[in-house]
Amino acid sequence: MYGKNDLKKIKEELKEKKSLLTDKKNELQEIEEKLEELQKVADEQEKELEEKDKKLEEYTSHLQRLQADFENYKKQTAKRQEDFVQYANEGLILKLLDVYQDFERAFENCKTTEDLQEGLEIIYNKLKEILEKEGLEEISAKGEKFDPFKHEALMTENHEDFENGMITDELSKGYKLKDKVIKYSMVKVCKK
């Protein structure tokens, strides 16, 4: 049998164990509350992640459509440029066809050299007018100062009537189309 001291000791141990059990229950309850909070946070984050995934899919889909549109735009632009390059001279060719047909008529209808001479002059003037209207311009050379951006020196000579660097003779005419040199004048330059 247990003595008074033993029962007292057992009561104290029981009291301590009850207190410890209560503490553990409280800790367990706190842990469960924290778990619930963490579960709520996890659920919210999962929901946010799902929304972000959905937005990412939307953005990806939109980006793919934009890329496809851009590729189509590039193809259309390339086709337009190709067509432009292919048919850019159509207007000029149509004008030159008139000159070509004038040559054909001149050769068919000219009986004398005088007729041919007159026909060729008319055709020459018509061709010159067409080219000038398109922006073609002769580059002046003889008597001008040599300019490497407009002239190409084929020869040099010491000439008493010209200063050093002046063009003494034009061997072949040069031309500009609007402001761009398309054929340099071939010239002889004075070099002393």
Foldseek 3Di string as FASTA:
>chain_A
DDDPVRVVVVVVVVVVVVVVVVVVVVVVVVVVVVVVVVVVVVVVVVVVVVVVVVVVVVVVVVVVVVVVVVVVVVVVVVVVVVVCVVCVCVVVVVQVVVLVVLVVCQVVPDDDVVSNVVSVVVSVVSVVVSQVVQQKDWDDAAQAADDPQAADEPEEEADPVHDFRHFHDFPAIWMARNNHTPGHTYTYGYHD
